[in-house]
mmCIF file of all heavy atoms, coordinates in Angstrom:
data_MODEL
# 
_entry.id   MODEL 
# 
loop_
_atom_site.group_PDB 
_atom_site.id 
_atom_site.type_symbol 
_atom_site.label_atom_id 
_atom_site.label_alt_id 
_atom_site.label_comp_id 
_atom_site.label_asym_id 
_atom_site.label_entity_id 
_atom_site.label_seq_id 
_atom_site.pdbx_PDB_ins_code 
_atom_site.Cartn_x 
_atom_site.Cartn_y 
_atom_site.Cartn_z 
_atom_site.occupancy 
_atom_site.B_iso_or_equiv 
_atom_site.pdbx_formal_charge 
_atom_site.auth_seq_id 
_atom_site.auth_comp_id 
_atom_site.auth_asym_id 
_atom_site.auth_atom_id 
_atom_site.pdbx_PDB_model_num 
ATOM 1   N N   . ASN A 1 1  ? 87.026  119.759 100.577 1.00 0.00 ? 1  ASN A N   1 
ATOM 2   C CA  . ASN A 1 1  ? 88.510  119.842 100.915 1.00 0.00 ? 1  ASN A CA  1 
ATOM 3   C C   . ASN A 1 1  ? 88.789  119.468 102.322 1.00 0.00 ? 1  ASN A C   1 
ATOM 4   O O   . ASN A 1 1  ? 89.471  120.190 103.103 1.00 0.00 ? 1  ASN A O   1 
ATOM 5   C CB  . ASN A 1 1  ? 88.985  121.286 100.719 1.00 0.00 ? 1  ASN A CB  1 
ATOM 6   C CG  . ASN A 1 1  ? 88.942  121.661 99.333  1.00 0.00 ? 1  ASN A CG  1 
ATOM 7   O OD1 . ASN A 1 1  ? 88.691  120.934 98.368  1.00 0.00 ? 1  ASN A OD1 1 
ATOM 8   N ND2 . ASN A 1 1  ? 89.235  122.946 98.979  1.00 0.00 ? 1  ASN A ND2 1 
ATOM 9   N N   . PRO A 1 2  ? 88.476  118.187 102.702 1.00 0.00 ? 2  PRO A N   1 
ATOM 10  C CA  . PRO A 1 2  ? 88.850  117.650 104.028 1.00 0.00 ? 2  PRO A CA  1 
ATOM 11  C C   . PRO A 1 2  ? 90.300  117.483 104.132 1.00 0.00 ? 2  PRO A C   1 
ATOM 12  O O   . PRO A 1 2  ? 91.055  117.231 103.188 1.00 0.00 ? 2  PRO A O   1 
ATOM 13  C CB  . PRO A 1 2  ? 88.132  116.308 104.095 1.00 0.00 ? 2  PRO A CB  1 
ATOM 14  C CG  . PRO A 1 2  ? 87.991  115.868 102.681 1.00 0.00 ? 2  PRO A CG  1 
ATOM 15  C CD  . PRO A 1 2  ? 87.821  117.099 101.878 1.00 0.00 ? 2  PRO A CD  1 
ATOM 16  N N   . ASP A 1 3  ? 90.820  117.703 105.449 1.00 0.00 ? 3  ASP A N   1 
ATOM 17  C CA  . ASP A 1 3  ? 92.128  117.356 105.760 1.00 0.00 ? 3  ASP A CA  1 
ATOM 18  C C   . ASP A 1 3  ? 92.330  115.816 106.025 1.00 0.00 ? 3  ASP A C   1 
ATOM 19  O O   . ASP A 1 3  ? 91.655  115.330 106.954 1.00 0.00 ? 3  ASP A O   1 
ATOM 20  C CB  . ASP A 1 3  ? 92.646  118.184 106.928 1.00 0.00 ? 3  ASP A CB  1 
ATOM 21  C CG  . ASP A 1 3  ? 92.806  119.588 106.630 1.00 0.00 ? 3  ASP A CG  1 
ATOM 22  O OD1 . ASP A 1 3  ? 93.185  119.989 105.489 1.00 0.00 ? 3  ASP A OD1 1 
ATOM 23  O OD2 . ASP A 1 3  ? 92.356  120.476 107.511 1.00 0.00 ? 3  ASP A OD2 1 
ATOM 24  N N   . LEU A 1 4  ? 93.131  115.116 105.225 1.00 0.00 ? 4  LEU A N   1 
ATOM 25  C CA  . LEU A 1 4  ? 93.235  113.711 105.347 1.00 0.00 ? 4  LEU A CA  1 
ATOM 26  C C   . LEU A 1 4  ? 94.695  113.332 105.573 1.00 0.00 ? 4  LEU A C   1 
ATOM 27  O O   . LEU A 1 4  ? 95.507  113.707 104.779 1.00 0.00 ? 4  LEU A O   1 
ATOM 28  C CB  . LEU A 1 4  ? 92.677  112.964 104.168 1.00 0.00 ? 4  LEU A CB  1 
ATOM 29  C CG  . LEU A 1 4  ? 91.186  113.148 103.840 1.00 0.00 ? 4  LEU A CG  1 
ATOM 30  C CD1 . LEU A 1 4  ? 90.792  112.522 102.530 1.00 0.00 ? 4  LEU A CD1 1 
ATOM 31  C CD2 . LEU A 1 4  ? 90.269  112.612 104.981 1.00 0.00 ? 4  LEU A CD2 1 
ATOM 32  N N   . THR A 1 5  ? 94.987  112.549 106.626 1.00 0.00 ? 5  THR A N   1 
ATOM 33  C CA  . THR A 1 5  ? 96.364  112.093 106.825 1.00 0.00 ? 5  THR A CA  1 
ATOM 34  C C   . THR A 1 5  ? 96.589  110.894 105.907 1.00 0.00 ? 5  THR A C   1 
ATOM 35  O O   . THR A 1 5  ? 95.717  110.292 105.385 1.00 0.00 ? 5  THR A O   1 
ATOM 36  C CB  . THR A 1 5  ? 96.540  111.676 108.341 1.00 0.00 ? 5  THR A CB  1 
ATOM 37  O OG1 . THR A 1 5  ? 95.724  110.552 108.567 1.00 0.00 ? 5  THR A OG1 1 
ATOM 38  C CG2 . THR A 1 5  ? 96.155  112.800 109.268 1.00 0.00 ? 5  THR A CG2 1 
ATOM 39  N N   . THR A 1 6  ? 97.898  110.545 105.866 1.00 0.00 ? 6  THR A N   1 
ATOM 40  C CA  . THR A 1 6  ? 98.308  109.338 105.050 1.00 0.00 ? 6  THR A CA  1 
ATOM 41  C C   . THR A 1 6  ? 97.583  108.158 105.577 1.00 0.00 ? 6  THR A C   1 
ATOM 42  O O   . THR A 1 6  ? 97.044  107.321 104.800 1.00 0.00 ? 6  THR A O   1 
ATOM 43  C CB  . THR A 1 6  ? 99.786  109.171 105.149 1.00 0.00 ? 6  THR A CB  1 
ATOM 44  O OG1 . THR A 1 6  ? 100.424 110.254 104.576 1.00 0.00 ? 6  THR A OG1 1 
ATOM 45  C CG2 . THR A 1 6  ? 100.284 107.936 104.495 1.00 0.00 ? 6  THR A CG2 1 
ATOM 46  N N   . ARG A 1 7  ? 97.556  107.977 106.866 1.00 0.00 ? 7  ARG A N   1 
ATOM 47  C CA  . ARG A 1 7  ? 96.901  106.801 107.477 1.00 0.00 ? 7  ARG A CA  1 
ATOM 48  C C   . ARG A 1 7  ? 95.412  106.741 107.245 1.00 0.00 ? 7  ARG A C   1 
ATOM 49  O O   . ARG A 1 7  ? 94.814  105.703 107.145 1.00 0.00 ? 7  ARG A O   1 
ATOM 50  C CB  . ARG A 1 7  ? 97.205  106.786 108.971 1.00 0.00 ? 7  ARG A CB  1 
ATOM 51  C CG  . ARG A 1 7  ? 96.920  105.447 109.661 1.00 0.00 ? 7  ARG A CG  1 
ATOM 52  C CD  . ARG A 1 7  ? 97.363  105.481 111.160 1.00 0.00 ? 7  ARG A CD  1 
ATOM 53  N NE  . ARG A 1 7  ? 98.802  105.675 111.218 1.00 0.00 ? 7  ARG A NE  1 
ATOM 54  C CZ  . ARG A 1 7  ? 99.756  104.723 111.183 1.00 0.00 ? 7  ARG A CZ  1 
ATOM 55  N NH1 . ARG A 1 7  ? 99.363  103.479 111.018 1.00 0.00 ? 7  ARG A NH1 1 
ATOM 56  N NH2 . ARG A 1 7  ? 101.081 104.996 111.278 1.00 0.00 ? 7  ARG A NH2 1 
ATOM 57  N N   . GLN A 1 8  ? 94.795  107.917 107.142 1.00 0.00 ? 8  GLN A N   1 
ATOM 58  C CA  . GLN A 1 8  ? 93.315  107.931 106.915 1.00 0.00 ? 8  GLN A CA  1 
ATOM 59  C C   . GLN A 1 8  ? 92.935  107.559 105.516 1.00 0.00 ? 8  GLN A C   1 
ATOM 60  O O   . GLN A 1 8  ? 91.788  107.165 105.290 1.00 0.00 ? 8  GLN A O   1 
ATOM 61  C CB  . GLN A 1 8  ? 92.777  109.339 107.206 1.00 0.00 ? 8  GLN A CB  1 
ATOM 62  C CG  . GLN A 1 8  ? 92.695  109.733 108.744 1.00 0.00 ? 8  GLN A CG  1 
ATOM 63  C CD  . GLN A 1 8  ? 92.288  111.182 108.893 1.00 0.00 ? 8  GLN A CD  1 
ATOM 64  O OE1 . GLN A 1 8  ? 92.726  112.102 108.288 1.00 0.00 ? 8  GLN A OE1 1 
ATOM 65  N NE2 . GLN A 1 8  ? 91.352  111.326 109.831 1.00 0.00 ? 8  GLN A NE2 1 
ATOM 66  N N   . LYS A 1 9  ? 93.850  107.682 104.493 1.00 0.00 ? 9  LYS A N   1 
ATOM 67  C CA  . LYS A 1 9  ? 93.460  107.463 103.145 1.00 0.00 ? 9  LYS A CA  1 
ATOM 68  C C   . LYS A 1 9  ? 93.648  106.053 102.625 1.00 0.00 ? 9  LYS A C   1 
ATOM 69  O O   . LYS A 1 9  ? 92.856  105.632 101.762 1.00 0.00 ? 9  LYS A O   1 
ATOM 70  C CB  . LYS A 1 9  ? 94.329  108.422 102.264 1.00 0.00 ? 9  LYS A CB  1 
ATOM 71  C CG  . LYS A 1 9  ? 93.999  109.929 102.396 1.00 0.00 ? 9  LYS A CG  1 
ATOM 72  C CD  . LYS A 1 9  ? 94.649  110.749 101.357 1.00 0.00 ? 9  LYS A CD  1 
ATOM 73  C CE  . LYS A 1 9  ? 96.126  110.836 101.517 1.00 0.00 ? 9  LYS A CE  1 
ATOM 74  N NZ  . LYS A 1 9  ? 96.745  111.698 100.531 1.00 0.00 ? 9  LYS A NZ  1 
ATOM 75  N N   . HIS A 1 10 ? 94.579  105.332 103.249 1.00 0.00 ? 10 HIS A N   1 
ATOM 76  C CA  . HIS A 1 10 ? 94.834  103.956 102.661 1.00 0.00 ? 10 HIS A CA  1 
ATOM 77  C C   . HIS A 1 10 ? 95.147  102.963 103.846 1.00 0.00 ? 10 HIS A C   1 
ATOM 78  O O   . HIS A 1 10 ? 95.622  103.364 104.926 1.00 0.00 ? 10 HIS A O   1 
ATOM 79  C CB  . HIS A 1 10 ? 96.065  103.958 101.736 1.00 0.00 ? 10 HIS A CB  1 
ATOM 80  C CG  . HIS A 1 10 ? 95.873  104.703 100.535 1.00 0.00 ? 10 HIS A CG  1 
ATOM 81  N ND1 . HIS A 1 10 ? 96.235  106.013 100.443 1.00 0.00 ? 10 HIS A ND1 1 
ATOM 82  C CD2 . HIS A 1 10 ? 95.433  104.404 99.278  1.00 0.00 ? 10 HIS A CD2 1 
ATOM 83  C CE1 . HIS A 1 10 ? 96.007  106.504 99.215  1.00 0.00 ? 10 HIS A CE1 1 
ATOM 84  N NE2 . HIS A 1 10 ? 95.481  105.498 98.516  1.00 0.00 ? 10 HIS A NE2 1 
ATOM 85  N N   . THR A 1 11 ? 94.860  101.767 103.616 1.00 0.00 ? 11 THR A N   1 
ATOM 86  C CA  . THR A 1 11 ? 95.428  100.616 104.397 1.00 0.00 ? 11 THR A CA  1 
ATOM 87  C C   . THR A 1 11 ? 96.230  99.774  103.493 1.00 0.00 ? 11 THR A C   1 
ATOM 88  O O   . THR A 1 11 ? 96.112  99.835  102.233 1.00 0.00 ? 11 THR A O   1 
ATOM 89  C CB  . THR A 1 11 ? 94.287  99.801  105.020 1.00 0.00 ? 11 THR A CB  1 
ATOM 90  O OG1 . THR A 1 11 ? 93.457  99.187  103.995 1.00 0.00 ? 11 THR A OG1 1 
ATOM 91  C CG2 . THR A 1 11 ? 93.399  100.674 105.975 1.00 0.00 ? 11 THR A CG2 1 
ATOM 92  N N   . ARG A 1 12 ? 97.145  98.990  104.062 1.00 0.00 ? 12 ARG A N   1 
ATOM 93  C CA  . ARG A 1 12 ? 97.948  98.043  103.301 1.00 0.00 ? 12 ARG A CA  1 
ATOM 94  C C   . ARG A 1 12 ? 97.803  96.696  103.858 1.00 0.00 ? 12 ARG A C   1 
ATOM 95  O O   . ARG A 1 12 ? 97.769  96.405  105.076 1.00 0.00 ? 12 ARG A O   1 
ATOM 96  C CB  . ARG A 1 12 ? 99.432  98.515  103.381 1.00 0.00 ? 12 ARG A CB  1 
ATOM 97  C CG  . ARG A 1 12 ? 99.721  99.881  102.742 1.00 0.00 ? 12 ARG A CG  1 
ATOM 98  C CD  . ARG A 1 12 ? 101.176 100.044 102.461 1.00 0.00 ? 12 ARG A CD  1 
ATOM 99  N NE  . ARG A 1 12 ? 101.427 101.377 101.929 1.00 0.00 ? 12 ARG A NE  1 
ATOM 100 C CZ  . ARG A 1 12 ? 101.351 101.758 100.635 1.00 0.00 ? 12 ARG A CZ  1 
ATOM 101 N NH1 . ARG A 1 12 ? 100.930 100.827 99.790  1.00 0.00 ? 12 ARG A NH1 1 
ATOM 102 N NH2 . ARG A 1 12 ? 101.660 102.936 100.194 1.00 0.00 ? 12 ARG A NH2 1 
ATOM 103 N N   . GLU A 1 13 ? 97.609  95.677  102.945 1.00 0.00 ? 13 GLU A N   1 
ATOM 104 C CA  . GLU A 1 13 ? 97.414  94.321  103.264 1.00 0.00 ? 13 GLU A CA  1 
ATOM 105 C C   . GLU A 1 13 ? 98.485  93.450  102.597 1.00 0.00 ? 13 GLU A C   1 
ATOM 106 O O   . GLU A 1 13 ? 98.629  93.526  101.428 1.00 0.00 ? 13 GLU A O   1 
ATOM 107 C CB  . GLU A 1 13 ? 96.017  93.801  102.888 1.00 0.00 ? 13 GLU A CB  1 
ATOM 108 C CG  . GLU A 1 13 ? 95.565  92.506  103.481 1.00 0.00 ? 13 GLU A CG  1 
ATOM 109 C CD  . GLU A 1 13 ? 94.132  92.259  103.395 1.00 0.00 ? 13 GLU A CD  1 
ATOM 110 O OE1 . GLU A 1 13 ? 93.422  92.945  102.591 1.00 0.00 ? 13 GLU A OE1 1 
ATOM 111 O OE2 . GLU A 1 13 ? 93.657  91.339  104.075 1.00 0.00 ? 13 GLU A OE2 1 
ATOM 112 N N   . CYS A 1 14 ? 99.262  92.655  103.436 1.00 0.00 ? 14 CYS A N   1 
ATOM 113 C CA  . CYS A 1 14 ? 100.373 91.944  102.887 1.00 0.00 ? 14 CYS A CA  1 
ATOM 114 C C   . CYS A 1 14 ? 100.119 90.452  103.074 1.00 0.00 ? 14 CYS A C   1 
ATOM 115 O O   . CYS A 1 14 ? 99.665  90.006  104.124 1.00 0.00 ? 14 CYS A O   1 
ATOM 116 C CB  . CYS A 1 14 ? 101.645 92.285  103.670 1.00 0.00 ? 14 CYS A CB  1 
ATOM 117 S SG  . CYS A 1 14 ? 101.960 94.044  103.792 1.00 0.00 ? 14 CYS A SG  1 
ATOM 118 N N   . PHE A 1 15 ? 100.384 89.655  101.981 1.00 0.00 ? 15 PHE A N   1 
ATOM 119 C CA  . PHE A 1 15 ? 100.222 88.199  102.027 1.00 0.00 ? 15 PHE A CA  1 
ATOM 120 C C   . PHE A 1 15 ? 101.723 87.669  101.781 1.00 0.00 ? 15 PHE A C   1 
ATOM 121 O O   . PHE A 1 15 ? 102.292 87.903  100.717 1.00 0.00 ? 15 PHE A O   1 
ATOM 122 C CB  . PHE A 1 15 ? 99.328  87.728  100.987 1.00 0.00 ? 15 PHE A CB  1 
ATOM 123 C CG  . PHE A 1 15 ? 97.869  88.130  101.263 1.00 0.00 ? 15 PHE A CG  1 
ATOM 124 C CD1 . PHE A 1 15 ? 97.433  89.353  100.848 1.00 0.00 ? 15 PHE A CD1 1 
ATOM 125 C CD2 . PHE A 1 15 ? 97.013  87.297  101.935 1.00 0.00 ? 15 PHE A CD2 1 
ATOM 126 C CE1 . PHE A 1 15 ? 96.128  89.800  101.051 1.00 0.00 ? 15 PHE A CE1 1 
ATOM 127 C CE2 . PHE A 1 15 ? 95.714  87.714  102.270 1.00 0.00 ? 15 PHE A CE2 1 
ATOM 128 C CZ  . PHE A 1 15 ? 95.272  88.961  101.768 1.00 0.00 ? 15 PHE A CZ  1 
ATOM 129 N N   . VAL A 1 16 ? 102.216 86.956  102.822 1.00 0.00 ? 16 VAL A N   1 
ATOM 130 C CA  . VAL A 1 16 ? 103.711 86.698  102.858 1.00 0.00 ? 16 VAL A CA  1 
ATOM 131 C C   . VAL A 1 16 ? 103.864 85.155  103.085 1.00 0.00 ? 16 VAL A C   1 
ATOM 132 O O   . VAL A 1 16 ? 103.263 84.543  103.893 1.00 0.00 ? 16 VAL A O   1 
ATOM 133 C CB  . VAL A 1 16 ? 104.354 87.452  103.992 1.00 0.00 ? 16 VAL A CB  1 
ATOM 134 C CG1 . VAL A 1 16 ? 105.830 87.136  104.073 1.00 0.00 ? 16 VAL A CG1 1 
ATOM 135 C CG2 . VAL A 1 16 ? 104.093 88.942  103.920 1.00 0.00 ? 16 VAL A CG2 1 
ATOM 136 N N   . VAL A 1 17 ? 104.756 84.640  102.238 1.00 0.00 ? 17 VAL A N   1 
ATOM 137 C CA  . VAL A 1 17 ? 105.196 83.278  102.352 1.00 0.00 ? 17 VAL A CA  1 
ATOM 138 C C   . VAL A 1 17 ? 106.601 83.234  103.023 1.00 0.00 ? 17 VAL A C   1 
ATOM 139 O O   . VAL A 1 17 ? 107.490 83.907  102.523 1.00 0.00 ? 17 VAL A O   1 
ATOM 140 C CB  . VAL A 1 17 ? 105.258 82.534  100.985 1.00 0.00 ? 17 VAL A CB  1 
ATOM 141 C CG1 . VAL A 1 17 ? 105.702 81.092  101.168 1.00 0.00 ? 17 VAL A CG1 1 
ATOM 142 C CG2 . VAL A 1 17 ? 103.901 82.583  100.286 1.00 0.00 ? 17 VAL A CG2 1 
ATOM 143 N N   . LEU A 1 18 ? 106.676 82.552  104.128 1.00 0.00 ? 18 LEU A N   1 
ATOM 144 C CA  . LEU A 1 18 ? 107.967 82.578  104.854 1.00 0.00 ? 18 LEU A CA  1 
ATOM 145 C C   . LEU A 1 18 ? 108.827 81.332  104.469 1.00 0.00 ? 18 LEU A C   1 
ATOM 146 O O   . LEU A 1 18 ? 108.333 80.255  104.006 1.00 0.00 ? 18 LEU A O   1 
ATOM 147 C CB  . LEU A 1 18 ? 107.687 82.510  106.314 1.00 0.00 ? 18 LEU A CB  1 
ATOM 148 C CG  . LEU A 1 18 ? 107.007 83.657  106.929 1.00 0.00 ? 18 LEU A CG  1 
ATOM 149 C CD1 . LEU A 1 18 ? 106.687 83.351  108.450 1.00 0.00 ? 18 LEU A CD1 1 
ATOM 150 C CD2 . LEU A 1 18 ? 107.922 84.932  106.904 1.00 0.00 ? 18 LEU A CD2 1 
ATOM 151 N N   . LYS A 1 19 ? 110.111 81.517  104.509 1.00 0.00 ? 19 LYS A N   1 
ATOM 152 C CA  . LYS A 1 19 ? 111.047 80.326  104.377 1.00 0.00 ? 19 LYS A CA  1 
ATOM 153 C C   . LYS A 1 19 ? 110.893 79.392  105.507 1.00 0.00 ? 19 LYS A C   1 
ATOM 154 O O   . LYS A 1 19 ? 111.092 78.204  105.320 1.00 0.00 ? 19 LYS A O   1 
ATOM 155 C CB  . LYS A 1 19 ? 112.462 80.849  104.191 1.00 0.00 ? 19 LYS A CB  1 
ATOM 156 C CG  . LYS A 1 19 ? 112.670 81.657  102.947 1.00 0.00 ? 19 LYS A CG  1 
ATOM 157 C CD  . LYS A 1 19 ? 114.162 82.183  102.850 1.00 0.00 ? 19 LYS A CD  1 
ATOM 158 C CE  . LYS A 1 19 ? 114.392 82.986  101.606 1.00 0.00 ? 19 LYS A CE  1 
ATOM 159 N NZ  . LYS A 1 19 ? 115.778 83.503  101.521 1.00 0.00 ? 19 LYS A NZ  1 
ATOM 160 N N   . ASP A 1 20 ? 110.588 79.949  106.651 1.00 0.00 ? 20 ASP A N   1 
ATOM 161 C CA  . ASP A 1 20 ? 110.483 79.177  107.879 1.00 0.00 ? 20 ASP A CA  1 
ATOM 162 C C   . ASP A 1 20 ? 109.651 79.970  108.811 1.00 0.00 ? 20 ASP A C   1 
ATOM 163 O O   . ASP A 1 20 ? 109.750 81.147  108.944 1.00 0.00 ? 20 ASP A O   1 
ATOM 164 C CB  . ASP A 1 20 ? 111.885 78.904  108.513 1.00 0.00 ? 20 ASP A CB  1 
ATOM 165 C CG  . ASP A 1 20 ? 111.767 77.910  109.730 1.00 0.00 ? 20 ASP A CG  1 
ATOM 166 O OD1 . ASP A 1 20 ? 111.418 78.407  110.800 1.00 0.00 ? 20 ASP A OD1 1 
ATOM 167 O OD2 . ASP A 1 20 ? 112.016 76.754  109.573 1.00 0.00 ? 20 ASP A OD2 1 
ATOM 168 N N   . GLU A 1 21 ? 108.757 79.270  109.582 1.00 0.00 ? 21 GLU A N   1 
ATOM 169 C CA  . GLU A 1 21 ? 107.810 80.001  110.528 1.00 0.00 ? 21 GLU A CA  1 
ATOM 170 C C   . GLU A 1 21 ? 108.541 80.716  111.596 1.00 0.00 ? 21 GLU A C   1 
ATOM 171 O O   . GLU A 1 21 ? 107.949 81.700  112.209 1.00 0.00 ? 21 GLU A O   1 
ATOM 172 C CB  . GLU A 1 21 ? 106.848 78.925  111.181 1.00 0.00 ? 21 GLU A CB  1 
ATOM 173 C CG  . GLU A 1 21 ? 105.844 78.357  110.160 1.00 0.00 ? 21 GLU A CG  1 
ATOM 174 C CD  . GLU A 1 21 ? 104.842 77.431  110.882 1.00 0.00 ? 21 GLU A CD  1 
ATOM 175 O OE1 . GLU A 1 21 ? 104.911 77.371  112.146 1.00 0.00 ? 21 GLU A OE1 1 
ATOM 176 O OE2 . GLU A 1 21 ? 104.059 76.850  110.121 1.00 0.00 ? 21 GLU A OE2 1 
ATOM 177 N N   . SER A 1 22 ? 109.803 80.432  111.938 1.00 0.00 ? 22 SER A N   1 
ATOM 178 C CA  . SER A 1 22 ? 110.487 81.076  112.934 1.00 0.00 ? 22 SER A CA  1 
ATOM 179 C C   . SER A 1 22 ? 110.746 82.524  112.620 1.00 0.00 ? 22 SER A C   1 
ATOM 180 O O   . SER A 1 22 ? 111.095 83.293  113.466 1.00 0.00 ? 22 SER A O   1 
ATOM 181 C CB  . SER A 1 22 ? 111.804 80.379  113.152 1.00 0.00 ? 22 SER A CB  1 
ATOM 182 O OG  . SER A 1 22 ? 112.616 80.440  112.025 1.00 0.00 ? 22 SER A OG  1 
ATOM 183 N N   . TYR A 1 23 ? 110.639 82.911  111.296 1.00 0.00 ? 23 TYR A N   1 
ATOM 184 C CA  . TYR A 1 23 ? 110.872 84.270  110.875 1.00 0.00 ? 23 TYR A CA  1 
ATOM 185 C C   . TYR A 1 23 ? 109.629 85.152  111.123 1.00 0.00 ? 23 TYR A C   1 
ATOM 186 O O   . TYR A 1 23 ? 109.762 86.392  110.957 1.00 0.00 ? 23 TYR A O   1 
ATOM 187 C CB  . TYR A 1 23 ? 111.287 84.323  109.401 1.00 0.00 ? 23 TYR A CB  1 
ATOM 188 C CG  . TYR A 1 23 ? 112.611 83.869  109.038 1.00 0.00 ? 23 TYR A CG  1 
ATOM 189 C CD1 . TYR A 1 23 ? 112.778 82.573  108.484 1.00 0.00 ? 23 TYR A CD1 1 
ATOM 190 C CD2 . TYR A 1 23 ? 113.706 84.622  109.213 1.00 0.00 ? 23 TYR A CD2 1 
ATOM 191 C CE1 . TYR A 1 23 ? 114.062 82.099  108.171 1.00 0.00 ? 23 TYR A CE1 1 
ATOM 192 C CE2 . TYR A 1 23 ? 115.045 84.210  108.884 1.00 0.00 ? 23 TYR A CE2 1 
ATOM 193 C CZ  . TYR A 1 23 ? 115.212 82.854  108.325 1.00 0.00 ? 23 TYR A CZ  1 
ATOM 194 O OH  . TYR A 1 23 ? 116.396 82.399  108.023 1.00 0.00 ? 23 TYR A OH  1 
ATOM 195 N N   . ALA A 1 24 ? 108.510 84.624  111.469 1.00 0.00 ? 24 ALA A N   1 
ATOM 196 C CA  . ALA A 1 24 ? 107.247 85.350  111.429 1.00 0.00 ? 24 ALA A CA  1 
ATOM 197 C C   . ALA A 1 24 ? 107.320 86.716  112.210 1.00 0.00 ? 24 ALA A C   1 
ATOM 198 O O   . ALA A 1 24 ? 106.991 87.748  111.643 1.00 0.00 ? 24 ALA A O   1 
ATOM 199 C CB  . ALA A 1 24 ? 106.144 84.481  111.893 1.00 0.00 ? 24 ALA A CB  1 
ATOM 200 N N   . GLU A 1 25 ? 107.656 86.622  113.449 1.00 0.00 ? 25 GLU A N   1 
ATOM 201 C CA  . GLU A 1 25 ? 107.590 87.856  114.227 1.00 0.00 ? 25 GLU A CA  1 
ATOM 202 C C   . GLU A 1 25 ? 108.583 88.912  113.688 1.00 0.00 ? 25 GLU A C   1 
ATOM 203 O O   . GLU A 1 25 ? 108.212 90.107  113.669 1.00 0.00 ? 25 GLU A O   1 
ATOM 204 C CB  . GLU A 1 25 ? 107.968 87.485  115.779 1.00 0.00 ? 25 GLU A CB  1 
ATOM 205 C CG  . GLU A 1 25 ? 107.817 88.660  116.726 1.00 0.00 ? 25 GLU A CG  1 
ATOM 206 C CD  . GLU A 1 25 ? 108.177 88.286  118.091 1.00 0.00 ? 25 GLU A CD  1 
ATOM 207 O OE1 . GLU A 1 25 ? 108.201 87.076  118.384 1.00 0.00 ? 25 GLU A OE1 1 
ATOM 208 O OE2 . GLU A 1 25 ? 108.358 89.168  118.992 1.00 0.00 ? 25 GLU A OE2 1 
ATOM 209 N N   . LYS A 1 26 ? 109.734 88.535  113.372 1.00 0.00 ? 26 LYS A N   1 
ATOM 210 C CA  . LYS A 1 26 ? 110.729 89.418  112.862 1.00 0.00 ? 26 LYS A CA  1 
ATOM 211 C C   . LYS A 1 26 ? 110.310 90.056  111.537 1.00 0.00 ? 26 LYS A C   1 
ATOM 212 O O   . LYS A 1 26 ? 110.483 91.262  111.282 1.00 0.00 ? 26 LYS A O   1 
ATOM 213 C CB  . LYS A 1 26 ? 112.079 88.782  112.730 1.00 0.00 ? 26 LYS A CB  1 
ATOM 214 C CG  . LYS A 1 26 ? 113.221 89.651  112.114 1.00 0.00 ? 26 LYS A CG  1 
ATOM 215 C CD  . LYS A 1 26 ? 114.504 88.847  112.017 1.00 0.00 ? 26 LYS A CD  1 
ATOM 216 C CE  . LYS A 1 26 ? 115.648 89.733  111.469 1.00 0.00 ? 26 LYS A CE  1 
ATOM 217 N NZ  . LYS A 1 26 ? 116.889 88.894  111.297 1.00 0.00 ? 26 LYS A NZ  1 
ATOM 218 N N   . VAL A 1 27 ? 109.721 89.212  110.696 1.00 0.00 ? 27 VAL A N   1 
ATOM 219 C CA  . VAL A 1 27 ? 109.291 89.744  109.354 1.00 0.00 ? 27 VAL A CA  1 
ATOM 220 C C   . VAL A 1 27 ? 108.184 90.768  109.513 1.00 0.00 ? 27 VAL A C   1 
ATOM 221 O O   . VAL A 1 27 ? 108.193 91.790  108.917 1.00 0.00 ? 27 VAL A O   1 
ATOM 222 C CB  . VAL A 1 27 ? 108.924 88.565  108.414 1.00 0.00 ? 27 VAL A CB  1 
ATOM 223 C CG1 . VAL A 1 27 ? 108.146 89.121  107.174 1.00 0.00 ? 27 VAL A CG1 1 
ATOM 224 C CG2 . VAL A 1 27 ? 110.104 87.831  108.001 1.00 0.00 ? 27 VAL A CG2 1 
ATOM 225 N N   . GLU A 1 28 ? 107.209 90.433  110.311 1.00 0.00 ? 28 GLU A N   1 
ATOM 226 C CA  . GLU A 1 28 ? 106.070 91.323  110.506 1.00 0.00 ? 28 GLU A CA  1 
ATOM 227 C C   . GLU A 1 28 ? 106.512 92.668  111.078 1.00 0.00 ? 28 GLU A C   1 
ATOM 228 O O   . GLU A 1 28 ? 106.017 93.688  110.671 1.00 0.00 ? 28 GLU A O   1 
ATOM 229 C CB  . GLU A 1 28 ? 105.013 90.641  111.454 1.00 0.00 ? 28 GLU A CB  1 
ATOM 230 C CG  . GLU A 1 28 ? 103.750 91.521  111.642 1.00 0.00 ? 28 GLU A CG  1 
ATOM 231 C CD  . GLU A 1 28 ? 102.641 90.835  112.341 1.00 0.00 ? 28 GLU A CD  1 
ATOM 232 O OE1 . GLU A 1 28 ? 102.800 89.644  112.726 1.00 0.00 ? 28 GLU A OE1 1 
ATOM 233 O OE2 . GLU A 1 28 ? 101.537 91.458  112.509 1.00 0.00 ? 28 GLU A OE2 1 
# 
């Protein structure tokens, strides 16, 4: 019965196609 936080249990990996590279920083 360990105590596990949400962050400790999963990671999320996103593969994203942009309409234009200029959106990259804002989208991330």
